[in-house]
Amino acid sequence: MKKNNVKEKIVDATIALIGKSASIESVTIRDIAAKAGVGVGLINYHFQTKENLINQCVQKIIGNKATCTFLAQNQGISRISILSDLFAGNASDNTSQTIEAYLPVIKEIWGDSKSEEEIFLSTHILIATLQSAFLRRNVFMQSTKIDFYDTEQRERLIDIIIDTIFK
């Protein structure tokens, strides 16, 4: 099996287990190895730590642009990812990748009416607001009566944020 196929198989198995699990902590390296059909040593070789593996899984999922649904459905991994990005952010972290994924959409909305800097800032405001609503769910819900974890309310929140930023 090629190196990339093994890594992809491990990532896919991890994503599947996270999706079925109540928390990230309950997913073990042994569970991942069994699901992927590989030895624990291969996981350690390719990812070094469970945290590195989880981060790569998050990047893959977020790359599919289902950011808010992912946050709500995978609260443990999302919290780890966002807090990690806030404490030690870099140009390739999950938040940066999410911003990069949304930039073309925001650019299309603004067209030529905004500078690259304004488009970037609009995108950053959108992502940061959603992350804040997720991380501070209880405080946010007290203030706005919007529950980030409720699909309909979350979609309404996204509409409000977009209307606020783009009007």
N, C-alpha and C. Protein backbone atom coordinates (compact mmCIF):
# COMPACT_ATOMS: atom_id res chain seq x y z
N MET A 1 0.84 -1.17 0.00
CA MET A 1 0.00 0.00 0.00
C MET A 1 0.89 1.25 0.00
N LYS A 2 0.55 2.21 -0.83
CA LYS A 2 1.34 3.42 -0.90
C LYS A 2 1.18 4.25 0.36
N LYS A 3 2.22 5.04 0.66
CA LYS A 3 2.27 5.87 1.86
C LYS A 3 1.04 6.78 1.97
N ASN A 4 0.68 7.47 0.89
CA ASN A 4 -0.47 8.38 0.92
C ASN A 4 -1.78 7.63 1.13
N ASN A 5 -1.89 6.43 0.54
CA ASN A 5 -3.10 5.63 0.73
C ASN A 5 -3.25 5.20 2.19
N VAL A 6 -2.15 4.85 2.84
CA VAL A 6 -2.19 4.46 4.25
C VAL A 6 -2.62 5.65 5.09
N LYS A 7 -2.01 6.81 4.86
CA LYS A 7 -2.38 8.00 5.62
C LYS A 7 -3.85 8.35 5.41
N GLU A 8 -4.30 8.28 4.17
CA GLU A 8 -5.70 8.60 3.87
C GLU A 8 -6.64 7.61 4.55
N LYS A 9 -6.26 6.35 4.54
CA LYS A 9 -7.07 5.32 5.19
C LYS A 9 -7.16 5.59 6.70
N ILE A 10 -6.07 5.99 7.30
CA ILE A 10 -6.04 6.30 8.73
C ILE A 10 -6.91 7.53 9.02
N VAL A 11 -6.76 8.56 8.21
CA VAL A 11 -7.56 9.78 8.38
C VAL A 11 -9.05 9.46 8.22
N ASP A 12 -9.41 8.73 7.19
CA ASP A 12 -10.82 8.38 6.96
C ASP A 12 -11.39 7.56 8.11
N ALA A 13 -10.61 6.61 8.61
CA ALA A 13 -11.05 5.80 9.74
C ALA A 13 -11.25 6.66 10.98
N THR A 14 -10.35 7.60 11.20
CA THR A 14 -10.44 8.49 12.36
C THR A 14 -11.68 9.36 12.26
N ILE A 15 -11.94 9.93 11.09
CA ILE A 15 -13.13 10.76 10.89
C ILE A 15 -14.39 9.96 11.15
N ALA A 16 -14.42 8.73 10.66
CA ALA A 16 -15.60 7.88 10.88
C ALA A 16 -15.80 7.59 12.36
N LEU A 17 -14.73 7.30 13.07
CA LEU A 17 -14.84 7.01 14.51
C LEU A 17 -15.24 8.26 15.30
N ILE A 18 -14.70 9.41 14.93
CA ILE A 18 -15.06 10.65 15.61
C ILE A 18 -16.56 10.92 15.41
N GLY A 19 -17.02 10.68 14.21
CA GLY A 19 -18.43 10.91 13.89
C GLY A 19 -19.38 10.05 14.71
N LYS A 20 -18.93 8.87 15.10
CA LYS A 20 -19.77 7.94 15.86
C LYS A 20 -19.57 8.05 17.36
N SER A 21 -18.58 8.81 17.76
CA SER A 21 -18.18 8.85 19.16
C SER A 21 -18.77 10.03 19.90
N ALA A 22 -18.97 9.86 21.19
CA ALA A 22 -19.49 10.95 22.03
C ALA A 22 -18.41 12.01 22.28
N SER A 23 -17.16 11.58 22.29
CA SER A 23 -16.07 12.54 22.50
C SER A 23 -14.81 12.03 21.82
N ILE A 24 -13.94 12.96 21.56
CA ILE A 24 -12.66 12.62 20.91
C ILE A 24 -11.80 11.77 21.83
N GLU A 25 -11.89 12.03 23.12
CA GLU A 25 -11.07 11.31 24.08
C GLU A 25 -11.38 9.80 24.07
N SER A 26 -12.61 9.46 23.72
CA SER A 26 -12.99 8.05 23.72
C SER A 26 -12.46 7.29 22.50
N VAL A 27 -11.99 7.99 21.49
CA VAL A 27 -11.41 7.34 20.31
C VAL A 27 -9.93 7.12 20.58
N THR A 28 -9.53 5.86 20.55
CA THR A 28 -8.13 5.53 20.84
C THR A 28 -7.36 5.23 19.56
N ILE A 29 -6.06 5.29 19.68
CA ILE A 29 -5.19 4.94 18.55
C ILE A 29 -5.44 3.49 18.14
N ARG A 30 -5.65 2.63 19.11
CA ARG A 30 -5.94 1.22 18.79
C ARG A 30 -7.25 1.07 18.01
N ASP A 31 -8.27 1.85 18.40
CA ASP A 31 -9.55 1.84 17.66
C ASP A 31 -9.32 2.27 16.21
N ILE A 32 -8.54 3.33 16.06
CA ILE A 32 -8.26 3.87 14.73
C ILE A 32 -7.51 2.84 13.89
N ALA A 33 -6.50 2.22 14.50
CA ALA A 33 -5.71 1.20 13.79
C ALA A 33 -6.60 0.04 13.34
N ALA A 34 -7.47 -0.41 14.23
CA ALA A 34 -8.37 -1.52 13.88
C ALA A 34 -9.30 -1.12 12.74
N LYS A 35 -9.89 0.06 12.83
CA LYS A 35 -10.82 0.53 11.79
C LYS A 35 -10.11 0.69 10.45
N ALA A 36 -8.87 1.20 10.49
CA ALA A 36 -8.11 1.43 9.25
C ALA A 36 -7.44 0.15 8.73
N GLY A 37 -7.37 -0.87 9.57
CA GLY A 37 -6.71 -2.11 9.16
C GLY A 37 -5.20 -1.98 9.08
N VAL A 38 -4.65 -1.16 9.98
CA VAL A 38 -3.20 -0.96 10.02
C VAL A 38 -2.71 -1.15 11.45
N GLY A 39 -1.41 -1.24 11.61
CA GLY A 39 -0.82 -1.35 12.93
C GLY A 39 -0.70 0.01 13.60
N VAL A 40 -0.68 0.01 14.91
CA VAL A 40 -0.52 1.24 15.69
C VAL A 40 0.78 1.96 15.30
N GLY A 41 1.81 1.19 15.01
CA GLY A 41 3.10 1.77 14.63
C GLY A 41 3.00 2.65 13.39
N LEU A 42 2.17 2.26 12.42
CA LEU A 42 2.00 3.08 11.22
C LEU A 42 1.36 4.42 11.54
N ILE A 43 0.42 4.42 12.46
CA ILE A 43 -0.22 5.67 12.86
C ILE A 43 0.82 6.57 13.51
N ASN A 44 1.59 6.01 14.42
CA ASN A 44 2.63 6.79 15.08
C ASN A 44 3.69 7.28 14.08
N TYR A 45 4.02 6.45 13.10
CA TYR A 45 5.00 6.83 12.10
C TYR A 45 4.51 8.01 11.26
N HIS A 46 3.26 7.95 10.82
CA HIS A 46 2.73 8.99 9.93
C HIS A 46 2.30 10.27 10.64
N PHE A 47 1.85 10.14 11.89
CA PHE A 47 1.26 11.31 12.56
C PHE A 47 1.95 11.70 13.87
N GLN A 48 2.80 10.86 14.40
CA GLN A 48 3.54 11.08 15.65
C GLN A 48 2.64 11.13 16.89
N THR A 49 1.57 11.93 16.85
CA THR A 49 0.67 12.03 18.01
C THR A 49 -0.78 11.97 17.55
N LYS A 50 -1.63 11.63 18.49
CA LYS A 50 -3.06 11.61 18.22
C LYS A 50 -3.53 13.03 17.87
N GLU A 51 -2.98 14.03 18.54
CA GLU A 51 -3.36 15.42 18.27
C GLU A 51 -3.04 15.80 16.83
N ASN A 52 -1.87 15.41 16.31
CA ASN A 52 -1.53 15.68 14.91
C ASN A 52 -2.52 15.01 13.96
N LEU A 53 -2.87 13.78 14.27
CA LEU A 53 -3.83 13.04 13.45
C LEU A 53 -5.18 13.76 13.47
N ILE A 54 -5.65 14.14 14.64
CA ILE A 54 -6.93 14.82 14.77
C ILE A 54 -6.91 16.13 13.99
N ASN A 55 -5.82 16.89 14.10
CA ASN A 55 -5.71 18.15 13.36
C ASN A 55 -5.81 17.93 11.85
N GLN A 56 -5.18 16.88 11.35
CA GLN A 56 -5.26 16.60 9.91
C GLN A 56 -6.68 16.20 9.52
N CYS A 57 -7.36 15.49 10.42
CA CYS A 57 -8.76 15.12 10.14
C CYS A 57 -9.63 16.36 10.08
N VAL A 58 -9.43 17.26 11.00
CA VAL A 58 -10.20 18.50 11.02
C VAL A 58 -9.95 19.28 9.73
N GLN A 59 -8.70 19.38 9.32
CA GLN A 59 -8.38 20.09 8.08
C GLN A 59 -9.10 19.48 6.89
N LYS A 60 -9.15 18.16 6.85
CA LYS A 60 -9.83 17.50 5.73
C LYS A 60 -11.33 17.79 5.75
N ILE A 61 -11.92 17.72 6.92
CA ILE A 61 -13.36 17.96 7.04
C ILE A 61 -13.69 19.41 6.73
N ILE A 62 -12.94 20.32 7.30
CA ILE A 62 -13.20 21.74 7.08
C ILE A 62 -12.98 22.11 5.62
N GLY A 63 -12.08 21.43 4.98
CA GLY A 63 -11.86 21.67 3.56
C GLY A 63 -13.10 21.43 2.72
N ASN A 64 -14.06 20.69 3.28
CA ASN A 64 -15.32 20.43 2.57
C ASN A 64 -16.33 21.55 2.77
N LYS A 65 -15.95 22.62 3.47
CA LYS A 65 -16.74 23.83 3.66
C LYS A 65 -18.01 23.63 4.48
N ALA A 66 -18.10 22.59 5.24
CA ALA A 66 -19.25 22.37 6.10
C ALA A 66 -18.89 22.79 7.52
N THR A 67 -18.28 23.94 7.64
CA THR A 67 -17.67 24.39 8.89
C THR A 67 -18.62 24.38 10.07
N CYS A 68 -19.72 25.06 9.97
CA CYS A 68 -20.61 25.20 11.13
C CYS A 68 -21.24 23.88 11.53
N THR A 69 -21.64 23.09 10.58
CA THR A 69 -22.21 21.78 10.89
C THR A 69 -21.16 20.91 11.56
N PHE A 70 -19.93 20.98 11.05
CA PHE A 70 -18.85 20.22 11.66
C PHE A 70 -18.63 20.65 13.10
N LEU A 71 -18.60 21.96 13.34
CA LEU A 71 -18.39 22.46 14.70
C LEU A 71 -19.45 21.90 15.64
N ALA A 72 -20.70 21.99 15.23
CA ALA A 72 -21.81 21.54 16.08
C ALA A 72 -21.81 20.04 16.29
N GLN A 73 -21.43 19.28 15.29
CA GLN A 73 -21.48 17.82 15.39
C GLN A 73 -20.23 17.22 16.02
N ASN A 74 -19.15 17.98 16.06
CA ASN A 74 -17.87 17.49 16.58
C ASN A 74 -17.30 18.49 17.57
N GLN A 75 -18.02 18.69 18.64
CA GLN A 75 -17.70 19.76 19.58
C GLN A 75 -16.33 19.62 20.21
N GLY A 76 -15.95 18.42 20.59
CA GLY A 76 -14.65 18.22 21.25
C GLY A 76 -13.49 18.56 20.35
N ILE A 77 -13.48 17.99 19.16
CA ILE A 77 -12.38 18.23 18.23
C ILE A 77 -12.38 19.68 17.76
N SER A 78 -13.56 20.25 17.59
CA SER A 78 -13.65 21.64 17.15
C SER A 78 -13.08 22.59 18.20
N ARG A 79 -13.41 22.35 19.44
CA ARG A 79 -12.91 23.19 20.53
C ARG A 79 -11.37 23.13 20.57
N ILE A 80 -10.83 21.91 20.48
CA ILE A 80 -9.38 21.73 20.48
C ILE A 80 -8.75 22.49 19.32
N SER A 81 -9.33 22.34 18.14
CA SER A 81 -8.78 22.97 16.95
C SER A 81 -8.81 24.49 17.04
N ILE A 82 -9.93 25.06 17.41
CA ILE A 82 -10.06 26.52 17.48
C ILE A 82 -9.13 27.09 18.54
N LEU A 83 -9.13 26.48 19.71
CA LEU A 83 -8.27 26.99 20.79
C LEU A 83 -6.79 26.87 20.41
N SER A 84 -6.44 25.78 19.77
CA SER A 84 -5.06 25.61 19.31
C SER A 84 -4.69 26.71 18.32
N ASP A 85 -5.60 27.00 17.39
CA ASP A 85 -5.35 28.06 16.40
C ASP A 85 -5.23 29.42 17.08
N LEU A 86 -6.04 29.67 18.09
CA LEU A 86 -6.00 30.96 18.78
C LEU A 86 -4.71 31.13 19.57
N PHE A 87 -4.24 30.05 20.19
CA PHE A 87 -3.03 30.13 21.01
C PHE A 87 -1.75 30.09 20.20
N ALA A 88 -1.75 29.34 19.12
CA ALA A 88 -0.52 29.18 18.34
C ALA A 88 -0.84 29.16 16.86
N GLY A 89 -1.55 30.18 16.40
CA GLY A 89 -1.97 30.23 15.01
C GLY A 89 -0.82 30.35 14.03
N ASN A 90 -1.05 29.81 12.84
CA ASN A 90 -0.08 29.96 11.75
C ASN A 90 -0.82 29.92 10.43
N ALA A 91 -0.14 30.16 9.37
CA ALA A 91 -0.77 30.30 8.06
C ALA A 91 -1.36 28.99 7.52
N SER A 92 -1.05 27.86 8.15
CA SER A 92 -1.61 26.60 7.67
C SER A 92 -2.53 25.93 8.68
N ASP A 93 -2.90 26.65 9.74
CA ASP A 93 -3.79 26.04 10.73
C ASP A 93 -5.22 25.93 10.17
N ASN A 94 -6.09 25.31 10.94
CA ASN A 94 -7.45 25.06 10.47
C ASN A 94 -8.23 26.35 10.22
N THR A 95 -8.05 27.34 11.09
CA THR A 95 -8.75 28.61 10.90
C THR A 95 -8.29 29.27 9.61
N SER A 96 -6.99 29.30 9.37
CA SER A 96 -6.46 29.90 8.15
C SER A 96 -6.97 29.17 6.91
N GLN A 97 -7.04 27.84 6.99
CA GLN A 97 -7.54 27.06 5.86
C GLN A 97 -9.02 27.33 5.62
N THR A 98 -9.77 27.51 6.70
CA THR A 98 -11.19 27.82 6.57
C THR A 98 -11.36 29.19 5.91
N ILE A 99 -10.59 30.15 6.37
CA ILE A 99 -10.65 31.49 5.77
C ILE A 99 -10.31 31.42 4.28
N GLU A 100 -9.26 30.68 3.93
CA GLU A 100 -8.88 30.53 2.53
C GLU A 100 -9.99 29.88 1.70
N ALA A 101 -10.69 28.92 2.31
CA ALA A 101 -11.78 28.25 1.59
C ALA A 101 -12.95 29.20 1.33
N TYR A 102 -13.19 30.12 2.26
CA TYR A 102 -14.31 31.04 2.13
C TYR A 102 -13.97 32.30 1.33
N LEU A 103 -12.70 32.63 1.20
CA LEU A 103 -12.32 33.85 0.49
C LEU A 103 -12.93 33.97 -0.92
N PRO A 104 -12.89 32.92 -1.74
CA PRO A 104 -13.48 33.07 -3.09
C PRO A 104 -14.97 33.37 -3.05
N VAL A 105 -15.67 32.80 -2.08
CA VAL A 105 -17.11 33.05 -1.95
C VAL A 105 -17.35 34.51 -1.57
N ILE A 106 -16.60 35.00 -0.61
CA ILE A 106 -16.74 36.38 -0.16
C ILE A 106 -16.33 37.34 -1.28
N LYS A 107 -15.29 36.99 -2.01
CA LYS A 107 -14.83 37.82 -3.13
C LYS A 107 -15.93 37.92 -4.18
N GLU A 108 -16.61 36.81 -4.43
CA GLU A 108 -17.71 36.81 -5.40
C GLU A 108 -18.84 37.71 -4.93
N ILE A 109 -19.13 37.69 -3.63
CA ILE A 109 -20.19 38.54 -3.09
C ILE A 109 -19.85 40.02 -3.28
N TRP A 110 -18.62 40.38 -2.93
CA TRP A 110 -18.21 41.79 -3.00
C TRP A 110 -17.87 42.23 -4.42
N GLY A 111 -17.42 41.30 -5.24
CA GLY A 111 -17.00 41.68 -6.59
C GLY A 111 -15.83 42.63 -6.52
N ASP A 112 -15.85 43.65 -7.37
CA ASP A 112 -14.76 44.62 -7.41
C ASP A 112 -14.99 45.81 -6.48
N SER A 113 -16.05 45.76 -5.70
CA SER A 113 -16.39 46.92 -4.87
C SER A 113 -15.54 47.03 -3.60
N LYS A 114 -14.78 45.98 -3.26
CA LYS A 114 -13.94 46.00 -2.06
C LYS A 114 -12.52 45.60 -2.42
N SER A 115 -11.58 46.10 -1.63
CA SER A 115 -10.17 45.74 -1.82
C SER A 115 -9.92 44.32 -1.30
N GLU A 116 -8.77 43.77 -1.66
CA GLU A 116 -8.38 42.44 -1.16
C GLU A 116 -8.35 42.44 0.38
N GLU A 117 -7.85 43.53 0.95
CA GLU A 117 -7.78 43.64 2.41
C GLU A 117 -9.18 43.61 3.02
N GLU A 118 -10.12 44.33 2.45
CA GLU A 118 -11.49 44.35 2.97
C GLU A 118 -12.17 42.99 2.82
N ILE A 119 -11.89 42.31 1.73
CA ILE A 119 -12.44 40.97 1.52
C ILE A 119 -11.88 40.01 2.56
N PHE A 120 -10.58 40.07 2.79
CA PHE A 120 -9.96 39.22 3.81
C PHE A 120 -10.56 39.51 5.18
N LEU A 121 -10.67 40.79 5.53
CA LEU A 121 -11.23 41.15 6.84
C LEU A 121 -12.68 40.71 6.99
N SER A 122 -13.46 40.83 5.94
CA SER A 122 -14.86 40.36 5.98
C SER A 122 -14.91 38.86 6.25
N THR A 123 -14.05 38.14 5.58
CA THR A 123 -14.00 36.68 5.76
C THR A 123 -13.56 36.34 7.17
N HIS A 124 -12.56 37.03 7.64
CA HIS A 124 -12.05 36.79 9.00
C HIS A 124 -13.13 37.10 10.04
N ILE A 125 -13.85 38.18 9.86
CA ILE A 125 -14.93 38.54 10.78
C ILE A 125 -15.99 37.44 10.80
N LEU A 126 -16.36 36.93 9.64
CA LEU A 126 -17.35 35.86 9.55
C LEU A 126 -16.90 34.64 10.33
N ILE A 127 -15.69 34.16 10.07
CA ILE A 127 -15.18 32.95 10.72
C ILE A 127 -15.00 33.18 12.22
N ALA A 128 -14.42 34.31 12.60
CA ALA A 128 -14.20 34.59 14.02
C ALA A 128 -15.52 34.69 14.79
N THR A 129 -16.53 35.27 14.18
CA THR A 129 -17.83 35.37 14.83
C THR A 129 -18.45 34.00 15.04
N LEU A 130 -18.36 33.15 14.04
CA LEU A 130 -18.90 31.79 14.16
C LEU A 130 -18.13 30.99 15.22
N GLN A 131 -16.81 31.15 15.24
CA GLN A 131 -16.02 30.46 16.26
C GLN A 131 -16.40 30.94 17.65
N SER A 132 -16.58 32.23 17.80
CA SER A 132 -16.96 32.79 19.09
C SER A 132 -18.33 32.28 19.53
N ALA A 133 -19.29 32.26 18.60
CA ALA A 133 -20.62 31.76 18.92
C ALA A 133 -20.55 30.30 19.36
N PHE A 134 -19.65 29.54 18.75
CA PHE A 134 -19.46 28.14 19.11
C PHE A 134 -18.80 28.01 20.48
N LEU A 135 -17.66 28.69 20.66
CA LEU A 135 -16.89 28.55 21.91
C LEU A 135 -17.64 29.10 23.12
N ARG A 136 -18.40 30.17 22.91
CA ARG A 136 -19.10 30.83 24.01
C ARG A 136 -20.61 30.59 23.91
N ARG A 137 -20.97 29.39 23.54
CA ARG A 137 -22.36 29.04 23.26
C ARG A 137 -23.32 29.54 24.33
N ASN A 138 -23.06 29.24 25.59
CA ASN A 138 -24.00 29.59 26.65
C ASN A 138 -24.16 31.10 26.80
N VAL A 139 -23.05 31.82 26.80
CA VAL A 139 -23.10 33.28 26.91
C VAL A 139 -23.78 33.87 25.68
N PHE A 140 -23.43 33.34 24.53
CA PHE A 140 -24.00 33.80 23.27
C PHE A 140 -25.51 33.57 23.26
N MET A 141 -25.93 32.40 23.73
CA MET A 141 -27.34 32.04 23.74
C MET A 141 -28.12 32.94 24.71
N GLN A 142 -27.52 33.29 25.84
CA GLN A 142 -28.18 34.18 26.79
C GLN A 142 -28.43 35.55 26.16
N SER A 143 -27.46 36.02 25.40
CA SER A 143 -27.56 37.35 24.80
C SER A 143 -28.45 37.40 23.57
N THR A 144 -28.41 36.36 22.75
CA THR A 144 -29.09 36.40 21.45
C THR A 144 -30.29 35.46 21.36
N LYS A 145 -30.39 34.52 22.28
CA LYS A 145 -31.43 33.48 22.25
C LYS A 145 -31.26 32.54 21.06
N ILE A 146 -30.04 32.53 20.51
CA ILE A 146 -29.73 31.64 19.38
C ILE A 146 -28.81 30.54 19.87
N ASP A 147 -29.23 29.28 19.67
CA ASP A 147 -28.44 28.12 20.06
C ASP A 147 -27.64 27.64 18.85
N PHE A 148 -26.34 27.80 18.93
CA PHE A 148 -25.46 27.42 17.82
C PHE A 148 -25.62 25.95 17.45
N TYR A 149 -25.96 25.10 18.41
CA TYR A 149 -26.06 23.66 18.16
C TYR A 149 -27.38 23.25 17.51
N ASP A 150 -28.34 24.13 17.45
CA ASP A 150 -29.61 23.85 16.80
C ASP A 150 -29.49 24.26 15.33
N THR A 151 -29.72 23.33 14.43
CA THR A 151 -29.48 23.57 13.00
C THR A 151 -30.24 24.78 12.47
N GLU A 152 -31.52 24.87 12.74
CA GLU A 152 -32.32 25.99 12.22
C GLU A 152 -31.85 27.32 12.80
N GLN A 153 -31.57 27.33 14.11
CA GLN A 153 -31.11 28.56 14.73
C GLN A 153 -29.72 28.95 14.22
N ARG A 154 -28.87 27.95 14.00
CA ARG A 154 -27.53 28.21 13.49
C ARG A 154 -27.61 28.80 12.08
N GLU A 155 -28.49 28.27 11.25
CA GLU A 155 -28.65 28.81 9.90
C GLU A 155 -29.16 30.24 9.94
N ARG A 156 -30.07 30.52 10.88
CA ARG A 156 -30.55 31.89 11.05
C ARG A 156 -29.41 32.80 11.48
N LEU A 157 -28.58 32.31 12.39
CA LEU A 157 -27.42 33.08 12.85
C LEU A 157 -26.50 33.41 11.67
N ILE A 158 -26.22 32.43 10.85
CA ILE A 158 -25.35 32.65 9.69
C ILE A 158 -25.95 33.72 8.79
N ASP A 159 -27.25 33.64 8.55
CA ASP A 159 -27.91 34.66 7.73
C ASP A 159 -27.76 36.05 8.35
N ILE A 160 -27.94 36.15 9.67
CA ILE A 160 -27.81 37.44 10.35
C ILE A 160 -26.39 37.97 10.23
N ILE A 161 -25.41 37.10 10.44
CA ILE A 161 -24.00 37.52 10.35
C ILE A 161 -23.69 38.00 8.94
N ILE A 162 -24.10 37.23 7.96
CA ILE A 162 -23.83 37.60 6.56
C ILE A 162 -24.52 38.92 6.22
N ASP A 163 -25.78 39.06 6.63
CA ASP A 163 -26.49 40.32 6.37
C ASP A 163 -25.78 41.49 7.04
N THR A 164 -25.30 41.28 8.25
CA THR A 164 -24.62 42.34 9.00
C THR A 164 -23.30 42.74 8.33
N ILE A 165 -22.54 41.76 7.92
CA ILE A 165 -21.24 42.04 7.30
C ILE A 165 -21.39 42.65 5.91
N PHE A 166 -22.35 42.16 5.16
CA PHE A 166 -22.42 42.52 3.75
C PHE A 166 -23.43 43.60 3.40
N LYS A 167 -23.98 44.26 4.40
CA LYS A 167 -24.89 45.39 4.12
C LYS A 167 -24.21 46.68 4.41
